[in-house]
Amino acid sequence: MKSWKKLWALAIISTWIPLSLVIWYPALVWYILLTLWMATVLWIVIASIHRQNEREQRLVVQSIEQAAIKTLNHHRHDWMNDLQILYGYMQLGKHDKTIDCVGRIKERMYLEGKIAKLGIPSLVFYLQSFRTIGSNVELEVNIADDLYLGGRMKPDDTQEWVSAIVESIRAFQYGELSSWGETRKLTLSLYEEDGEVVAFFEGEGSHVDPEILQQQIHNVVRSHQVKAEQIYSTQGSFQLRVPCDT
């Protein structure tokens, strides 16, 4: 931001040189010089803005790529652990344990499939990468069968709803009643009800002050279409609702 201000300041100051010549020596040559000077300054400023935008875009892309690689590596590590456990049970001939392990793998694959089919890329990426950030919150996600949200909400409402979900998880994560180093469980359920999409949060235990949590949630809801409602006044449970096309 400071570089932009300096660039504009230098551009404005530099125009005083030919402008002063025009004022003190009103000749055609100085008018031509002023025109060329201002055109050159304008070109330099536009080119600088374009290069700055390109640098910022590259940084954003690199950040997304790094997050995606980290997420993929984390999932690969999880799958390798599951396969090693499964292989160990098979070698030991523990068929009941093998069946249970396959069942857990199947349930996780089913959940990840439902997350991938939500139809909102920002929400899908956030949920799939959440475990890679080393959070002290164990996030359990429940999604209604065949829930697809792509294009069913207004773009602004979608953005606000996803932002509110992310900020809600952060509010629970950094609640005032949390203990240092403690892992807590938060359940997020996504489903449709009465022509609205609902994100229902339920925190385990009393680690978050409900009043503080509710105030934090309302602070991040800026769209009048997204409604934040506290379900139980004495618990960290609430929901975020937004209209959607049926």
C-alpha atoms as a PDB file:
ATOM      1  CA  MET A   1       0.000   0.000   0.000  1.00  0.00           C
ATOM      2  CA  LYS A   2       2.843   2.422   0.829  1.00  0.00           C
ATOM      3  CA  SER A   3       4.486   1.714  -2.538  1.00  0.00           C
ATOM      4  CA  TRP A   4       1.247   2.676  -4.300  1.00  0.00           C
ATOM      5  CA  LYS A   5       1.064   5.972  -2.400  1.00  0.00           C
ATOM      6  CA  LYS A   6       4.687   6.771  -3.189  1.00  0.00           C
ATOM      7  CA  LEU A   7       4.152   5.978  -6.869  1.00  0.00           C
ATOM      8  CA  TRP A   8       1.136   8.267  -7.145  1.00  0.00           C
ATOM      9  CA  ALA A   9       2.909  11.011  -5.183  1.00  0.00           C
ATOM     10  CA  LEU A  10       5.944  10.878  -7.471  1.00  0.00           C
ATOM     11  CA  ALA A  11       3.704  10.865 -10.538  1.00  0.00           C
ATOM     12  CA  ILE A  12       1.819  13.968  -9.382  1.00  0.00           C
ATOM     13  CA  ILE A  13       4.996  15.788  -8.337  1.00  0.00           C
ATOM     14  CA  SER A  14       6.728  15.027 -11.641  1.00  0.00           C
ATOM     15  CA  THR A  15       3.951  16.690 -13.649  1.00  0.00           C
ATOM     16  CA  TRP A  16       4.762  20.010 -11.993  1.00  0.00           C
ATOM     17  CA  ILE A  17       7.952  20.255 -14.014  1.00  0.00           C
ATOM     18  CA  PRO A  18       6.359  20.569 -17.486  1.00  0.00           C
ATOM     19  CA  LEU A  19       3.325  22.319 -15.970  1.00  0.00           C
ATOM     20  CA  SER A  20       5.580  25.027 -14.540  1.00  0.00           C
ATOM     21  CA  LEU A  21       7.214  25.512 -17.936  1.00  0.00           C
ATOM     22  CA  VAL A  22       3.782  25.935 -19.548  1.00  0.00           C
ATOM     23  CA  ILE A  23       2.753  28.478 -16.920  1.00  0.00           C
ATOM     24  CA  TRP A  24       5.941  30.543 -17.077  1.00  0.00           C
ATOM     25  CA  TYR A  25       6.700  30.079 -20.784  1.00  0.00           C
ATOM     26  CA  PRO A  26       3.383  29.545 -22.640  1.00  0.00           C
ATOM     27  CA  ALA A  27       4.797  28.157 -25.866  1.00  0.00           C
ATOM     28  CA  LEU A  28       3.549  25.312 -28.068  1.00  0.00           C
ATOM     29  CA  VAL A  29       6.619  23.212 -27.425  1.00  0.00           C
ATOM     30  CA  TRP A  30       5.953  23.191 -23.668  1.00  0.00           C
ATOM     31  CA  TYR A  31       2.313  22.168 -24.205  1.00  0.00           C
ATOM     32  CA  ILE A  32       3.531  19.280 -26.333  1.00  0.00           C
ATOM     33  CA  LEU A  33       6.108  18.389 -23.662  1.00  0.00           C
ATOM     34  CA  LEU A  34       3.402  18.494 -20.951  1.00  0.00           C
ATOM     35  CA  THR A  35       1.142  16.193 -22.981  1.00  0.00           C
ATOM     36  CA  LEU A  36       3.941  13.711 -23.650  1.00  0.00           C
ATOM     37  CA  TRP A  37       5.110  13.870 -20.052  1.00  0.00           C
ATOM     38  CA  MET A  38       1.652  13.148 -18.625  1.00  0.00           C
ATOM     39  CA  ALA A  39       1.091  10.336 -21.149  1.00  0.00           C
ATOM     40  CA  THR A  40       4.430   8.782 -20.140  1.00  0.00           C
ATOM     41  CA  VAL A  41       3.637   9.094 -16.422  1.00  0.00           C
ATOM     42  CA  LEU A  42       0.208   7.558 -16.978  1.00  0.00           C
ATOM     43  CA  TRP A  43       1.721   4.651 -18.921  1.00  0.00           C
ATOM     44  CA  ILE A  44       4.306   4.026 -16.190  1.00  0.00           C
ATOM     45  CA  VAL A  45       1.617   4.050 -13.488  1.00  0.00           C
ATOM     46  CA  ILE A  46      -0.667   1.674 -15.427  1.00  0.00           C
ATOM     47  CA  ALA A  47       2.237  -0.677 -16.155  1.00  0.00           C
ATOM     48  CA  SER A  48       3.251  -0.657 -12.491  1.00  0.00           C
ATOM     49  CA  ILE A  49      -0.312  -1.419 -11.395  1.00  0.00           C
ATOM     50  CA  HIS A  50      -0.486  -4.263 -13.894  1.00  0.00           C
ATOM     51  CA  ARG A  51       2.802  -5.768 -12.661  1.00  0.00           C
ATOM     52  CA  GLN A  52       1.698  -5.427  -9.038  1.00  0.00           C
ATOM     53  CA  ASN A  53      -1.590  -7.193  -9.797  1.00  0.00           C
ATOM     54  CA  GLU A  54       0.277  -9.993 -11.550  1.00  0.00           C
ATOM     55  CA  ARG A  55       2.569 -10.439  -8.538  1.00  0.00           C
ATOM     56  CA  GLU A  56      -0.400 -10.558  -6.167  1.00  0.00           C
ATOM     57  CA  GLN A  57      -2.190 -13.085  -8.375  1.00  0.00           C
ATOM     58  CA  ARG A  58       0.921 -15.278  -8.504  1.00  0.00           C
ATOM     59  CA  LEU A  59       1.170 -15.162  -4.703  1.00  0.00           C
ATOM     60  CA  VAL A  60      -2.496 -16.157  -4.360  1.00  0.00           C
ATOM     61  CA  VAL A  61      -2.086 -19.020  -6.826  1.00  0.00           C
ATOM     62  CA  GLN A  62       1.066 -20.213  -5.062  1.00  0.00           C
ATOM     63  CA  SER A  63      -0.712 -20.097  -1.710  1.00  0.00           C
ATOM     64  CA  ILE A  64      -3.618 -22.149  -3.074  1.00  0.00           C
ATOM     65  CA  GLU A  65      -1.244 -24.632  -4.700  1.00  0.00           C
ATOM     66  CA  GLN A  66       0.709 -25.073  -1.473  1.00  0.00           C
ATOM     67  CA  ALA A  67      -2.508 -25.598   0.512  1.00  0.00           C
ATOM     68  CA  ALA A  68      -3.743 -28.122  -2.059  1.00  0.00           C
ATOM     69  CA  ILE A  69      -0.443 -30.043  -1.985  1.00  0.00           C
ATOM     70  CA  LYS A  70      -0.477 -30.074   1.811  1.00  0.00           C
ATOM     71  CA  THR A  71      -4.066 -31.357   1.801  1.00  0.00           C
ATOM     72  CA  LEU A  72      -3.306 -34.096  -0.725  1.00  0.00           C
ATOM     73  CA  ASN A  73      -0.240 -35.188   1.230  1.00  0.00           C
ATOM     74  CA  HIS A  74      -2.262 -35.309   4.433  1.00  0.00           C
ATOM     75  CA  HIS A  75      -4.981 -37.429   2.818  1.00  0.00           C
ATOM     76  CA  ARG A  76      -2.352 -39.708   1.260  1.00  0.00           C
ATOM     77  CA  HIS A  77      -0.775 -40.172   4.700  1.00  0.00           C
ATOM     78  CA  ASP A  78      -4.180 -41.056   6.191  1.00  0.00           C
ATOM     79  CA  TRP A  79      -4.883 -43.588   3.457  1.00  0.00           C
ATOM     80  CA  MET A  80      -1.466 -45.192   3.905  1.00  0.00           C
ATOM     81  CA  ASN A  81      -2.094 -45.548   7.642  1.00  0.00           C
ATOM     82  CA  ASP A  82      -5.480 -47.156   6.998  1.00  0.00           C
ATOM     83  CA  LEU A  83      -3.974 -49.569   4.467  1.00  0.00           C
ATOM     84  CA  GLN A  84      -1.165 -50.525   6.840  1.00  0.00           C
ATOM     85  CA  ILE A  85      -3.660 -51.215   9.625  1.00  0.00           C
ATOM     86  CA  LEU A  86      -5.854 -53.204   7.259  1.00  0.00           C
ATOM     87  CA  TYR A  87      -2.874 -55.206   5.987  1.00  0.00           C
ATOM     88  CA  GLY A  88      -1.802 -55.927   9.571  1.00  0.00           C
ATOM     89  CA  TYR A  89      -5.233 -57.278  10.484  1.00  0.00           C
ATOM     90  CA  MET A  90      -5.231 -59.456   7.376  1.00  0.00           C
ATOM     91  CA  GLN A  91      -1.802 -60.880   8.205  1.00  0.00           C
ATOM     92  CA  LEU A  92      -2.894 -61.663  11.758  1.00  0.00           C
ATOM     93  CA  GLY A  93      -6.075 -63.284  10.509  1.00  0.00           C
ATOM     94  CA  LYS A  94      -8.301 -60.935  12.536  1.00  0.00           C
ATOM     95  CA  HIS A  95     -11.250 -60.994  10.161  1.00  0.00           C
ATOM     96  CA  ASP A  96     -13.612 -59.111  12.479  1.00  0.00           C
ATOM     97  CA  LYS A  97     -11.064 -56.275  12.822  1.00  0.00           C
ATOM     98  CA  THR A  98     -10.544 -56.324   9.064  1.00  0.00           C
ATOM     99  CA  ILE A  99     -14.263 -55.910   8.438  1.00  0.00           C
ATOM    100  CA  ASP A 100     -14.465 -53.034  10.925  1.00  0.00           C
ATOM    101  CA  CYS A 101     -11.478 -51.319   9.315  1.00  0.00           C
ATOM    102  CA  VAL A 102     -12.952 -51.664   5.822  1.00  0.00           C
ATOM    103  CA  GLY A 103     -16.220 -50.252   7.164  1.00  0.00           C
ATOM    104  CA  ARG A 104     -14.456 -47.174   8.559  1.00  0.00           C
ATOM    105  CA  ILE A 105     -12.629 -46.624   5.275  1.00  0.00           C
ATOM    106  CA  LYS A 106     -15.904 -46.954   3.379  1.00  0.00           C
ATOM    107  CA  GLU A 107     -17.637 -44.422   5.654  1.00  0.00           C
ATOM    108  CA  ARG A 108     -14.814 -41.913   5.212  1.00  0.00           C
ATOM    109  CA  MET A 109     -14.822 -42.336   1.449  1.00  0.00           C
ATOM    110  CA  TYR A 110     -18.567 -41.805   1.437  1.00  0.00           C
ATOM    111  CA  LEU A 111     -18.257 -38.615   3.504  1.00  0.00           C
ATOM    112  CA  GLU A 112     -15.446 -37.211   1.356  1.00  0.00           C
ATOM    113  CA  GLY A 113     -17.549 -37.953  -1.713  1.00  0.00           C
ATOM    114  CA  LYS A 114     -20.482 -35.992  -0.262  1.00  0.00           C
ATOM    115  CA  ILE A 115     -18.189 -33.064   0.580  1.00  0.00           C
ATOM    116  CA  ALA A 116     -16.790 -33.036  -2.963  1.00  0.00           C
ATOM    117  CA  LYS A 117     -20.315 -32.949  -4.397  1.00  0.00           C
ATOM    118  CA  LEU A 118     -21.515 -29.915  -2.410  1.00  0.00           C
ATOM    119  CA  GLY A 119     -21.033 -27.665  -5.435  1.00  0.00           C
ATOM    120  CA  ILE A 120     -19.382 -24.729  -3.603  1.00  0.00           C
ATOM    121  CA  PRO A 121     -15.610 -24.895  -4.294  1.00  0.00           C
ATOM    122  CA  SER A 122     -14.574 -22.612  -1.415  1.00  0.00           C
ATOM    123  CA  LEU A 123     -16.559 -24.663   1.111  1.00  0.00           C
ATOM    124  CA  VAL A 124     -15.365 -27.978  -0.335  1.00  0.00           C
ATOM    125  CA  PHE A 125     -11.732 -26.888  -0.201  1.00  0.00           C
ATOM    126  CA  TYR A 126     -12.063 -25.568   3.351  1.00  0.00           C
ATOM    127  CA  LEU A 127     -13.681 -28.732   4.711  1.00  0.00           C
ATOM    128  CA  GLN A 128     -11.254 -31.057   2.939  1.00  0.00           C
ATOM    129  CA  SER A 129      -8.197 -29.102   4.066  1.00  0.00           C
ATOM    130  CA  PHE A 130      -9.310 -28.345   7.630  1.00  0.00           C
ATOM    131  CA  ARG A 131      -7.482 -31.324   9.136  1.00  0.00           C
ATOM    132  CA  THR A 132      -4.170 -30.183   7.659  1.00  0.00           C
ATOM    133  CA  ILE A 133      -4.014 -26.893   9.618  1.00  0.00           C
ATOM    134  CA  GLY A 134      -3.207 -28.560  12.941  1.00  0.00           C
ATOM    135  CA  SER A 135      -6.260 -27.191  14.712  1.00  0.00           C
ATOM    136  CA  ASN A 136      -7.162 -27.979  18.302  1.00  0.00           C
ATOM    137  CA  VAL A 137     -10.731 -28.577  17.084  1.00  0.00           C
ATOM    138  CA  GLU A 138     -11.789 -32.009  15.894  1.00  0.00           C
ATOM    139  CA  LEU A 139     -14.351 -31.165  13.240  1.00  0.00           C
ATOM    140  CA  GLU A 140     -16.943 -33.833  12.483  1.00  0.00           C
ATOM    141  CA  VAL A 141     -18.968 -33.163   9.333  1.00  0.00           C
ATOM    142  CA  ASN A 142     -22.395 -34.624   8.610  1.00  0.00           C
ATOM    143  CA  ILE A 143     -23.968 -33.947   5.212  1.00  0.00           C
ATOM    144  CA  ALA A 144     -27.449 -34.874   4.078  1.00  0.00           C
ATOM    145  CA  ASP A 145     -27.569 -37.381   1.232  1.00  0.00           C
ATOM    146  CA  ASP A 146     -27.572 -35.900  -2.286  1.00  0.00           C
ATOM    147  CA  LEU A 147     -27.048 -32.343  -0.989  1.00  0.00           C
ATOM    148  CA  TYR A 148     -25.945 -30.164  -3.914  1.00  0.00           C
ATOM    149  CA  LEU A 149     -25.727 -26.387  -3.509  1.00  0.00           C
ATOM    150  CA  GLY A 150     -24.063 -25.215  -6.729  1.00  0.00           C
ATOM    151  CA  GLY A 151     -25.968 -22.275  -8.217  1.00  0.00           C
ATOM    152  CA  ARG A 152     -28.853 -22.638  -5.806  1.00  0.00           C
ATOM    153  CA  MET A 153     -28.064 -19.510  -3.815  1.00  0.00           C
ATOM    154  CA  LYS A 154     -27.245 -15.966  -4.811  1.00  0.00           C
ATOM    155  CA  PRO A 155     -23.465 -15.489  -5.182  1.00  0.00           C
ATOM    156  CA  ASP A 156     -23.308 -12.899  -2.406  1.00  0.00           C
ATOM    157  CA  ASP A 157     -25.373 -15.082  -0.089  1.00  0.00           C
ATOM    158  CA  THR A 158     -23.164 -18.074  -0.848  1.00  0.00           C
ATOM    159  CA  GLN A 159     -20.035 -16.099  -0.054  1.00  0.00           C
ATOM    160  CA  GLU A 160     -21.491 -14.734   3.181  1.00  0.00           C
ATOM    161  CA  TRP A 161     -22.765 -18.156   4.255  1.00  0.00           C
ATOM    162  CA  VAL A 162     -19.396 -19.855   3.667  1.00  0.00           C
ATOM    163  CA  SER A 163     -17.582 -16.975   5.371  1.00  0.00           C
ATOM    164  CA  ALA A 164     -19.915 -17.268   8.361  1.00  0.00           C
ATOM    165  CA  ILE A 165     -19.239 -21.019   8.561  1.00  0.00           C
ATOM    166  CA  VAL A 166     -15.478 -20.452   8.573  1.00  0.00           C
ATOM    167  CA  GLU A 167     -15.686 -17.650  11.143  1.00  0.00           C
ATOM    168  CA  SER A 168     -18.013 -19.733  13.311  1.00  0.00           C
ATOM    169  CA  ILE A 169     -15.472 -22.539  13.457  1.00  0.00           C
ATOM    170  CA  ARG A 170     -12.767 -20.026  14.340  1.00  0.00           C
ATOM    171  CA  ALA A 171     -14.981 -18.527  17.048  1.00  0.00           C
ATOM    172  CA  PHE A 172     -15.402 -21.953  18.595  1.00  0.00           C
ATOM    173  CA  GLN A 173     -11.715 -22.706  18.186  1.00  0.00           C
ATOM    174  CA  TYR A 174     -10.594 -19.560  19.994  1.00  0.00           C
ATOM    175  CA  GLY A 175     -13.414 -19.373  22.540  1.00  0.00           C
ATOM    176  CA  GLU A 176     -12.540 -17.836  25.887  1.00  0.00           C
ATOM    177  CA  LEU A 177     -13.389 -20.990  27.828  1.00  0.00           C
ATOM    178  CA  SER A 178     -10.984 -23.181  25.882  1.00  0.00           C
ATOM    179  CA  SER A 179      -8.008 -24.791  27.621  1.00  0.00           C
ATOM    180  CA  TRP A 180      -4.511 -24.571  26.221  1.00  0.00           C
ATOM    181  CA  GLY A 181      -3.555 -27.657  24.203  1.00  0.00           C
ATOM    182  CA  GLU A 182      -6.988 -29.216  24.565  1.00  0.00           C
ATOM    183  CA  THR A 183      -8.630 -30.874  21.558  1.00  0.00           C
ATOM    184  CA  ARG A 184     -12.354 -30.234  21.371  1.00  0.00           C
ATOM    185  CA  LYS A 185     -15.039 -31.684  19.164  1.00  0.00           C
ATOM    186  CA  LEU A 186     -17.316 -29.636  16.947  1.00  0.00           C
ATOM    187  CA  THR A 187     -20.015 -31.182  14.796  1.00  0.00           C
ATOM    188  CA  LEU A 188     -21.133 -29.409  11.614  1.00  0.00           C
ATOM    189  CA  SER A 189     -24.275 -30.690   9.914  1.00  0.00           C
ATOM    190  CA  LEU A 190     -25.367 -29.458   6.474  1.00  0.00           C
ATOM    191  CA  TYR A 191     -28.906 -30.070   5.240  1.00  0.00           C
ATOM    192  CA  GLU A 192     -32.003 -28.451   3.720  1.00  0.00           C
ATOM    193  CA  GLU A 193     -35.088 -27.428   5.656  1.00  0.00           C
ATOM    194  CA  ASP A 194     -38.109 -25.364   4.643  1.00  0.00           C
ATOM    195  CA  GLY A 195     -36.504 -23.935   1.507  1.00  0.00           C
ATOM    196  CA  GLU A 196     -33.282 -23.014   3.289  1.00  0.00           C
ATOM    197  CA  VAL A 197     -29.809 -24.484   3.561  1.00  0.00           C
ATOM    198  CA  VAL A 198     -28.793 -24.993   7.172  1.00  0.00           C
ATOM    199  CA  ALA A 199     -25.344 -25.200   8.731  1.00  0.00           C
ATOM    200  CA  PHE A 200     -25.937 -26.551  12.221  1.00  0.00           C
ATOM    201  CA  PHE A 201     -23.098 -26.374  14.764  1.00  0.00           C
ATOM    202  CA  GLU A 202     -22.956 -28.319  17.974  1.00  0.00           C
ATOM    203  CA  GLY A 203     -19.992 -28.034  20.310  1.00  0.00           C
ATOM    204  CA  GLU A 204     -19.143 -30.773  22.734  1.00  0.00           C
ATOM    205  CA  GLY A 205     -19.085 -29.661  26.353  1.00  0.00           C
ATOM    206  CA  SER A 206     -19.139 -26.090  27.659  1.00  0.00           C
ATOM    207  CA  HIS A 207     -15.859 -24.794  26.270  1.00  0.00           C
ATOM    208  CA  VAL A 208     -17.389 -21.725  24.665  1.00  0.00           C
ATOM    209  CA  ASP A 209     -19.436 -18.994  26.307  1.00  0.00           C
ATOM    210  CA  PRO A 210     -22.751 -19.108  24.339  1.00  0.00           C
ATOM    211  CA  GLU A 211     -23.332 -15.356  24.650  1.00  0.00           C
ATOM    212  CA  ILE A 212     -19.860 -14.473  23.403  1.00  0.00           C
ATOM    213  CA  LEU A 213     -20.114 -17.085  20.667  1.00  0.00           C
ATOM    214  CA  GLN A 214     -23.484 -15.783  19.505  1.00  0.00           C
ATOM    215  CA  GLN A 215     -22.166 -12.216  19.369  1.00  0.00           C
ATOM    216  CA  GLN A 216     -19.163 -13.339  17.323  1.00  0.00           C
ATOM    217  CA  ILE A 217     -21.395 -15.188  14.878  1.00  0.00           C
ATOM    218  CA  HIS A 218     -23.706 -12.224  14.401  1.00  0.00           C
ATOM    219  CA  ASN A 219     -20.687  -9.995  13.787  1.00  0.00           C
ATOM    220  CA  VAL A 220     -19.623 -12.037  10.741  1.00  0.00           C
ATOM    221  CA  VAL A 221     -23.117 -12.260   9.218  1.00  0.00           C
ATOM    222  CA  ARG A 222     -23.399  -9.173   7.022  1.00  0.00           C
ATOM    223  CA  SER A 223     -26.090 -10.318   4.593  1.00  0.00           C
ATOM    224  CA  HIS A 224     -29.708  -9.981   5.692  1.00  0.00           C
ATOM    225  CA  GLN A 225     -30.367 -13.256   3.857  1.00  0.00           C
ATOM    226  CA  VAL A 226     -28.083 -15.248   6.168  1.00  0.00           C
ATOM    227  CA  LYS A 227     -29.694 -15.822   9.564  1.00  0.00           C
ATOM    228  CA  ALA A 228     -27.777 -16.853  12.681  1.00  0.00           C
ATOM    229  CA  GLU A 229     -29.921 -18.517  15.319  1.00  0.00           C
ATOM    230  CA  GLN A 230     -28.914 -19.890  18.690  1.00  0.00           C
ATOM    231  CA  ILE A 231     -30.653 -23.206  19.366  1.00  0.00           C
ATOM    232  CA  TYR A 232     -30.020 -23.742  23.065  1.00  0.00           C
ATOM    233  CA  SER A 233     -29.301 -20.742  25.278  1.00  0.00           C
ATOM    234  CA  THR A 234     -26.950 -22.667  27.570  1.00  0.00           C
ATOM    235  CA  GLN A 235     -24.883 -24.518  24.975  1.00  0.00           C
ATOM    236  CA  GLY A 236     -22.580 -23.748  22.076  1.00  0.00           C
ATOM    237  CA  SER A 237     -25.165 -24.802  19.503  1.00  0.00           C
ATOM    238  CA  PHE A 238     -26.401 -22.563  16.698  1.00  0.00           C
ATOM    239  CA  GLN A 239     -27.342 -22.609  13.034  1.00  0.00           C
ATOM    240  CA  LEU A 240     -26.749 -20.490   9.957  1.00  0.00           C
ATOM    241  CA  ARG A 241     -29.614 -20.465   7.475  1.00  0.00           C
ATOM    242  CA  VAL A 242     -29.828 -19.042   3.961  1.00  0.00           C
ATOM    243  CA  PRO A 243     -32.590 -19.331   1.323  1.00  0.00           C
ATOM    244  CA  CYS A 244     -31.958 -21.610  -1.634  1.00  0.00           C
ATOM    245  CA  ASP A 245     -33.790 -22.664  -4.767  1.00  0.00           C
ATOM    246  CA  THR A 246     -35.665 -25.917  -4.399  1.00  0.00           C
END
